[in-house]
PDB file of N, CA and C in Angstrom:
ATOM      1  N   PHE A   1      90.743  69.862  14.390  1.00  0.00           N
ATOM      2  CA  PHE A   1      90.657  70.972  13.087  1.00  0.00           C
ATOM      3  C   PHE A   1      91.959  71.311  12.697  1.00  0.00           C
ATOM      4  N   LEU A   2      92.570  71.606  14.001  1.00  0.00           N
ATOM      5  CA  LEU A   2      94.175  71.675  14.198  1.00  0.00           C
ATOM      6  C   LEU A   2      94.868  70.425  13.683  1.00  0.00           C
ATOM      7  N   ASN A   3      94.662  69.354  13.881  1.00  0.00           N
ATOM      8  CA  ASN A   3      95.229  68.195  13.513  1.00  0.00           C
ATOM      9  C   ASN A   3      95.327  67.782  12.131  1.00  0.00           C
ATOM     10  N   ASP A   4      94.128  68.105  11.347  1.00  0.00           N
ATOM     11  CA  ASP A   4      94.023  68.187   9.794  1.00  0.00           C
ATOM     12  C   ASP A   4      94.397  69.306   9.074  1.00  0.00           C
ATOM     13  N   THR A   5      94.838  70.342   9.479  1.00  0.00           N
ATOM     14  CA  THR A   5      95.433  71.459   8.623  1.00  0.00           C
ATOM     15  C   THR A   5      96.891  71.744   9.192  1.00  0.00           C
ATOM     16  N   ASN A   6      97.449  72.375   8.257  1.00  0.00           N
ATOM     17  CA  ASN A   6      98.920  72.799   8.510  1.00  0.00           C
ATOM     18  C   ASN A   6      98.476  74.134   8.774  1.00  0.00           C
ATOM     19  N   LEU A   7      98.859  74.752  10.008  1.00  0.00           N
ATOM     20  CA  LEU A   7      98.557  76.199  10.444  1.00  0.00           C
ATOM     21  C   LEU A   7      99.899  76.764  11.108  1.00  0.00           C
ATOM     22  N   ASP A   8      99.994  77.900  10.863  1.00  0.00           N
ATOM     23  CA  ASP A   8     101.187  78.861  11.174  1.00  0.00           C
ATOM     24  C   ASP A   8     100.842  79.205  12.939  1.00  0.00           C
ATOM     25  N   SER A   9     101.872  79.898  13.540  1.00  0.00           N
ATOM     26  CA  SER A   9     101.829  80.065  14.597  1.00  0.00           C
ATOM     27  C   SER A   9     100.456  81.304  15.081  1.00  0.00           C
ATOM     28  N   ARG A  10     100.588  81.981  14.105  1.00  0.00           N
ATOM     29  CA  ARG A  10      99.504  82.976  14.098  1.00  0.00           C
ATOM     30  C   ARG A  10      97.976  82.390  14.059  1.00  0.00           C
ATOM     31  N   GLN A  11      97.891  81.691  13.091  1.00  0.00           N
ATOM     32  CA  GLN A  11      96.652  80.764  12.663  1.00  0.00           C
ATOM     33  C   GLN A  11      96.358  79.882  14.044  1.00  0.00           C
ATOM     34  N   ILE A  12      97.079  79.424  14.648  1.00  0.00           N
ATOM     35  CA  ILE A  12      97.031  78.311  15.700  1.00  0.00           C
ATOM     36  C   ILE A  12      96.498  79.231  16.969  1.00  0.00           C
ATOM     37  N   TYR A  13      97.117  80.400  17.006  1.00  0.00           N
ATOM     38  CA  TYR A  13      96.716  81.484  18.142  1.00  0.00           C
ATOM     39  C   TYR A  13      95.230  82.041  18.055  1.00  0.00           C
ATOM     40  N   PHE A  14      94.806  82.167  16.601  1.00  0.00           N
ATOM     41  CA  PHE A  14      93.505  82.633  16.480  1.00  0.00           C
ATOM     42  C   PHE A  14      92.404  81.479  16.461  1.00  0.00           C
ATOM     43  N   VAL A  15      92.808  80.382  16.099  1.00  0.00           N
ATOM     44  CA  VAL A  15      91.770  79.105  16.401  1.00  0.00           C
ATOM     45  C   VAL A  15      91.791  79.025  18.009  1.00  0.00           C
ATOM     46  N   ASN A  16      92.887  78.885  18.645  1.00  0.00           N
ATOM     47  CA  ASN A  16      92.891  78.703  20.047  1.00  0.00           C
ATOM     48  C   ASN A  16      91.958  79.837  20.875  1.00  0.00           C
ATOM     49  N   GLN A  17      92.175  81.255  20.302  1.00  0.00           N
ATOM     50  CA  GLN A  17      91.070  82.065  20.703  1.00  0.00           C
ATOM     51  C   GLN A  17      89.615  81.964  20.661  1.00  0.00           C
ATOM     52  N   ILE A  18      89.195  81.220  19.240  1.00  0.00           N
ATOM     53  CA  ILE A  18      87.913  80.962  19.125  1.00  0.00           C
ATOM     54  C   ILE A  18      87.511  79.740  20.021  1.00  0.00           C
ATOM     55  N   VAL A  19      88.497  78.693  20.187  1.00  0.00           N
ATOM     56  CA  VAL A  19      88.002  77.728  21.281  1.00  0.00           C
ATOM     57  C   VAL A  19      87.573  78.207  22.524  1.00  0.00           C
ATOM     58  N   GLU A  20      88.872  79.071  22.934  1.00  0.00           N
ATOM     59  CA  GLU A  20      88.424  79.875  24.302  1.00  0.00           C
ATOM     60  C   GLU A  20      87.134  80.700  24.516  1.00  0.00           C
ATOM     61  N   TYR A  21      86.908  81.132  23.526  1.00  0.00           N
ATOM     62  CA  TYR A  21      85.673  82.052  23.354  1.00  0.00           C
ATOM     63  C   TYR A  21      84.198  81.166  23.455  1.00  0.00           C
ATOM     64  N   ILE A  22      84.148  80.050  22.509  1.00  0.00           N
ATOM     65  CA  ILE A  22      83.368  79.323  22.393  1.00  0.00           C
ATOM     66  C   ILE A  22      83.071  78.472  23.809  1.00  0.00           C
ATOM     67  N   VAL A  23      84.167  78.030  24.484  1.00  0.00           N
ATOM     68  CA  VAL A  23      84.196  77.548  25.911  1.00  0.00           C
ATOM     69  C   VAL A  23      83.517  78.231  26.942  1.00  0.00           C
ATOM     70  N   HIS A  24      83.838  79.484  26.929  1.00  0.00           N
ATOM     71  CA  HIS A  24      83.301  80.677  27.728  1.00  0.00           C
ATOM     72  C   HIS A  24      81.910  80.972  27.426  1.00  0.00           C
ATOM     73  N   ASN A  25      81.425  81.095  26.320  1.00  0.00           N
ATOM     74  CA  ASN A  25      80.124  81.543  25.683  1.00  0.00           C
ATOM     75  C   ASN A  25      79.169  80.641  25.058  1.00  0.00           C
ATOM     76  N   GLY A  26      79.748  79.539  25.034  1.00  0.00           N
ATOM     77  CA  GLY A  26      78.923  78.215  24.540  1.00  0.00           C
ATOM     78  C   GLY A  26      78.781  78.284  23.029  1.00  0.00           C
ATOM     79  N   MET A  27      78.788  79.034  22.526  1.00  0.00           N
ATOM     80  CA  MET A  27      78.828  79.458  21.065  1.00  0.00           C
ATOM     81  C   MET A  27      79.431  80.700  20.378  1.00  0.00           C
ATOM     82  N   MET A  28      79.451  80.863  19.251  1.00  0.00           N
ATOM     83  CA  MET A  28      80.032  81.970  18.641  1.00  0.00           C
ATOM     84  C   MET A  28      79.049  82.469  17.466  1.00  0.00           C
ATOM     85  N   LYS A  29      77.801  83.204  18.065  1.00  0.00           N
ATOM     86  CA  LYS A  29      76.689  83.461  16.987  1.00  0.00           C
ATOM     87  C   LYS A  29      77.047  84.887  16.141  1.00  0.00           C
ATOM     88  N   ASP A  30      77.624  85.860  16.787  1.00  0.00           N
ATOM     89  CA  ASP A  30      78.012  87.184  16.264  1.00  0.00           C
ATOM     90  C   ASP A  30      79.591  86.883  15.905  1.00  0.00           C
ATOM     91  N   LEU A  31      79.781  86.907  14.887  1.00  0.00           N
ATOM     92  CA  LEU A  31      81.167  86.613  14.079  1.00  0.00           C
ATOM     93  C   LEU A  31      81.687  88.041  14.039  1.00  0.00           C
ATOM     94  N   SER A  32      81.180  89.012  14.346  1.00  0.00           N
ATOM     95  CA  SER A  32      81.836  90.199  14.351  1.00  0.00           C
ATOM     96  C   SER A  32      82.980  90.324  15.376  1.00  0.00           C
ATOM     97  N   VAL A  33      82.761  89.657  16.401  1.00  0.00           N
ATOM     98  CA  VAL A  33      83.576  89.468  17.514  1.00  0.00           C
ATOM     99  C   VAL A  33      85.433  89.353  17.028  1.00  0.00           C
ATOM    100  N   LEU A  34      85.018  88.644  15.830  1.00  0.00           N
ATOM    101  CA  LEU A  34      86.381  87.969  15.238  1.00  0.00           C
ATOM    102  C   LEU A  34      87.305  89.491  14.845  1.00  0.00           C
ATOM    103  N   GLN A  35      86.574  90.464  14.777  1.00  0.00           N
ATOM    104  CA  GLN A  35      87.283  91.711  14.285  1.00  0.00           C
ATOM    105  C   GLN A  35      87.911  92.678  15.567  1.00  0.00           C
ATOM    106  N   GLU A  36      87.661  92.038  16.674  1.00  0.00           N
ATOM    107  CA  GLU A  36      88.231  92.746  18.052  1.00  0.00           C
ATOM    108  C   GLU A  36      89.162  91.853  18.710  1.00  0.00           C
ATOM    109  N   SER A  37      89.913  92.575  19.679  1.00  0.00           N
ATOM    110  CA  SER A  37      90.952  92.101  20.472  1.00  0.00           C
ATOM    111  C   SER A  37      90.023  90.885  21.232  1.00  0.00           C
ATOM    112  N   PRO A  38      90.519  89.715  21.283  1.00  0.00           N
ATOM    113  CA  PRO A  38      91.950  88.992  21.320  1.00  0.00           C
ATOM    114  C   PRO A  38      92.242  88.429  19.584  1.00  0.00           C
ATOM    115  N   PHE A  39      91.242  88.583  19.058  1.00  0.00           N
ATOM    116  CA  PHE A  39      91.246  87.903  17.531  1.00  0.00           C
ATOM    117  C   PHE A  39      92.162  88.339  16.753  1.00  0.00           C
ATOM    118  N   THR A  40      92.304  89.951  16.807  1.00  0.00           N
ATOM    119  CA  THR A  40      93.196  90.563  16.031  1.00  0.00           C
ATOM    120  C   THR A  40      94.494  91.025  16.486  1.00  0.00           C
ATOM    121  N   ASP A  41      94.844  90.489  17.730  1.00  0.00           N
ATOM    122  CA  ASP A  41      96.169  90.917  18.179  1.00  0.00           C
ATOM    123  C   ASP A  41      97.214  90.188  17.363  1.00  0.00           C
ATOM    124  N   LYS A  42      97.052  89.413  16.527  1.00  0.00           N
ATOM    125  CA  LYS A  42      98.034  89.018  15.580  1.00  0.00           C
ATOM    126  C   LYS A  42      97.777  89.406  14.236  1.00  0.00           C
ATOM    127  N   GLY A  43      96.762  90.078  13.914  1.00  0.00           N
ATOM    128  CA  GLY A  43      96.530  90.376  12.562  1.00  0.00           C
ATOM    129  C   GLY A  43      94.901  90.032  12.142  1.00  0.00           C
ATOM    130  N   SER A  44      94.519  90.865  11.077  1.00  0.00           N
ATOM    131  CA  SER A  44      93.023  90.611  10.985  1.00  0.00           C
ATOM    132  C   SER A  44      92.750  89.238  10.176  1.00  0.00           C
ATOM    133  N   VAL A  45      91.627  88.464   9.927  1.00  0.00           N
ATOM    134  CA  VAL A  45      91.408  87.503   9.569  1.00  0.00           C
ATOM    135  C   VAL A  45      91.998  87.279   8.014  1.00  0.00           C
ATOM    136  N   VAL A  46      91.705  88.503   7.360  1.00  0.00           N
ATOM    137  CA  VAL A  46      92.305  88.287   5.965  1.00  0.00           C
ATOM    138  C   VAL A  46      93.781  88.091   6.025  1.00  0.00           C
ATOM    139  N   GLU A  47      94.416  88.933   6.982  1.00  0.00           N
ATOM    140  CA  GLU A  47      95.900  88.879   7.039  1.00  0.00           C
ATOM    141  C   GLU A  47      96.469  87.367   7.673  1.00  0.00           C
ATOM    142  N   ILE A  48      95.739  86.932   8.304  1.00  0.00           N
ATOM    143  CA  ILE A  48      96.059  85.766   9.197  1.00  0.00           C
ATOM    144  C   ILE A  48      95.862  84.508   8.234  1.00  0.00           C
ATOM    145  N   PHE A  49      94.755  84.365   7.558  1.00  0.00           N
ATOM    146  CA  PHE A  49      94.403  83.467   6.525  1.00  0.00           C
ATOM    147  C   PHE A  49      94.472  83.888   4.926  1.00  0.00           C
ATOM    148  N   THR A  50      95.542  83.831   4.647  1.00  0.00           N
ATOM    149  CA  THR A  50      95.571  84.107   3.189  1.00  0.00           C
ATOM    150  C   THR A  50      95.164  83.136   2.277  1.00  0.00           C
ATOM    151  N   ASP A  51      94.957  81.772   2.789  1.00  0.00           N
ATOM    152  CA  ASP A  51      94.108  80.968   1.988  1.00  0.00           C
ATOM    153  C   ASP A  51      92.757  80.667   2.840  1.00  0.00           C
ATOM    154  N   LEU A  52      91.790  81.428   1.664  1.00  0.00           N
ATOM    155  CA  LEU A  52      90.350  81.412   2.245  1.00  0.00           C
ATOM    156  C   LEU A  52      90.011  79.910   2.375  1.00  0.00           C
ATOM    157  N   THR A  53      90.472  79.110   1.748  1.00  0.00           N
ATOM    158  CA  THR A  53      89.939  77.543   1.771  1.00  0.00           C
ATOM    159  C   THR A  53      89.981  77.254   3.645  1.00  0.00           C
ATOM    160  N   VAL A  54      91.079  77.833   4.105  1.00  0.00           N
ATOM    161  CA  VAL A  54      91.469  77.226   5.620  1.00  0.00           C
ATOM    162  C   VAL A  54      90.331  78.022   6.381  1.00  0.00           C
ATOM    163  N   TRP A  55      90.361  79.227   6.077  1.00  0.00           N
ATOM    164  CA  TRP A  55      89.220  80.011   6.704  1.00  0.00           C
ATOM    165  C   TRP A  55      88.042  79.446   6.792  1.00  0.00           C
ATOM    166  N   MET A  56      87.409  79.214   5.537  1.00  0.00           N
ATOM    167  CA  MET A  56      86.232  78.600   5.091  1.00  0.00           C
ATOM    168  C   MET A  56      85.842  77.465   6.113  1.00  0.00           C
ATOM    169  N   GLY A  57      87.269  76.552   6.292  1.00  0.00           N
ATOM    170  CA  GLY A  57      87.070  75.602   6.929  1.00  0.00           C
ATOM    171  C   GLY A  57      86.581  75.506   8.558  1.00  0.00           C
ATOM    172  N   ILE A  58      87.381  76.593   8.984  1.00  0.00           N
ATOM    173  CA  ILE A  58      86.977  77.303  10.482  1.00  0.00           C
ATOM    174  C   ILE A  58      85.567  77.665  10.490  1.00  0.00           C
ATOM    175  N   ARG A  59      85.046  78.552   9.591  1.00  0.00           N
ATOM    176  CA  ARG A  59      83.590  78.855   9.694  1.00  0.00           C
ATOM    177  C   ARG A  59      82.759  77.846   9.649  1.00  0.00           C
ATOM    178  N   LYS A  60      82.864  76.755   8.973  1.00  0.00           N
ATOM    179  CA  LYS A  60      82.266  75.654   9.120  1.00  0.00           C
ATOM    180  C   LYS A  60      81.837  75.031  10.276  1.00  0.00           C
ATOM    181  N   VAL A  61      83.344  74.845  11.035  1.00  0.00           N
ATOM    182  CA  VAL A  61      83.179  74.140  12.245  1.00  0.00           C
ATOM    183  C   VAL A  61      82.552  75.208  13.299  1.00  0.00           C
ATOM    184  N   ILE A  62      82.696  76.579  13.248  1.00  0.00           N
ATOM    185  CA  ILE A  62      82.073  77.462  13.919  1.00  0.00           C
ATOM    186  C   ILE A  62      80.493  77.090  13.790  1.00  0.00           C
ATOM    187  N   ASP A  63      79.946  77.182  12.649  1.00  0.00           N
ATOM    188  CA  ASP A  63      78.455  76.865  12.382  1.00  0.00           C
ATOM    189  C   ASP A  63      78.117  75.485  12.789  1.00  0.00           C
ATOM    190  N   ARG A  64      78.749  74.771  12.705  1.00  0.00           N
ATOM    191  CA  ARG A  64      78.067  73.382  13.343  1.00  0.00           C
ATOM    192  C   ARG A  64      78.467  73.396  14.967  1.00  0.00           C
ATOM    193  N   ILE A  65      79.235  74.232  15.594  1.00  0.00           N
ATOM    194  CA  ILE A  65      79.135  74.300  16.992  1.00  0.00           C
ATOM    195  C   ILE A  65      78.049  74.966  17.186  1.00  0.00           C
ATOM    196  N   ASN A  66      77.611  76.188  16.515  1.00  0.00           N
ATOM    197  CA  ASN A  66      76.511  77.032  16.721  1.00  0.00           C
ATOM    198  C   ASN A  66      75.398  76.077  16.784  1.00  0.00           C
ATOM    199  N   ALA A  67      75.229  75.366  15.645  1.00  0.00           N
ATOM    200  CA  ALA A  67      73.960  74.496  15.217  1.00  0.00           C
ATOM    201  C   ALA A  67      73.792  73.630  16.394  1.00  0.00           C
ATOM    202  N   ASN A  68      74.895  72.927  17.011  1.00  0.00           N
ATOM    203  CA  ASN A  68      74.614  72.001  17.951  1.00  0.00           C
ATOM    204  C   ASN A  68      74.407  72.863  19.439  1.00  0.00           C
ATOM    205  N   ALA A  69      74.760  73.827  19.458  1.00  0.00           N
ATOM    206  CA  ALA A  69      74.352  74.391  20.999  1.00  0.00           C
ATOM    207  C   ALA A  69      72.975  74.872  20.870  1.00  0.00           C
ATOM    208  N   ALA A  70      72.613  75.160  19.822  1.00  0.00           N
ATOM    209  CA  ALA A  70      71.256  75.809  19.424  1.00  0.00           C
ATOM    210  C   ALA A  70      70.148  74.771  19.496  1.00  0.00           C
ATOM    211  N   ALA A  71      70.628  73.402  19.368  1.00  0.00           N
ATOM    212  CA  ALA A  71      69.549  72.376  19.146  1.00  0.00           C
ATOM    213  C   ALA A  71      69.031  71.774  20.640  1.00  0.00           C
TER     214      ALA A  71
END
């Protein structure tokens, strides 16, 4: 995902935190964790992703990972 999208440093940090979370937990079933530290350390989802298209792309990747982990 990072290779196909132009992200700024805050967005890259946020995506990297998602990756670390999924590596540690196997999936991200409860998206409410995104409203807590370390995800909010550089701003909220709305502040970091002003282009909702980018955020929706990230959500789709999370959903696919969750579907694969549950299968």
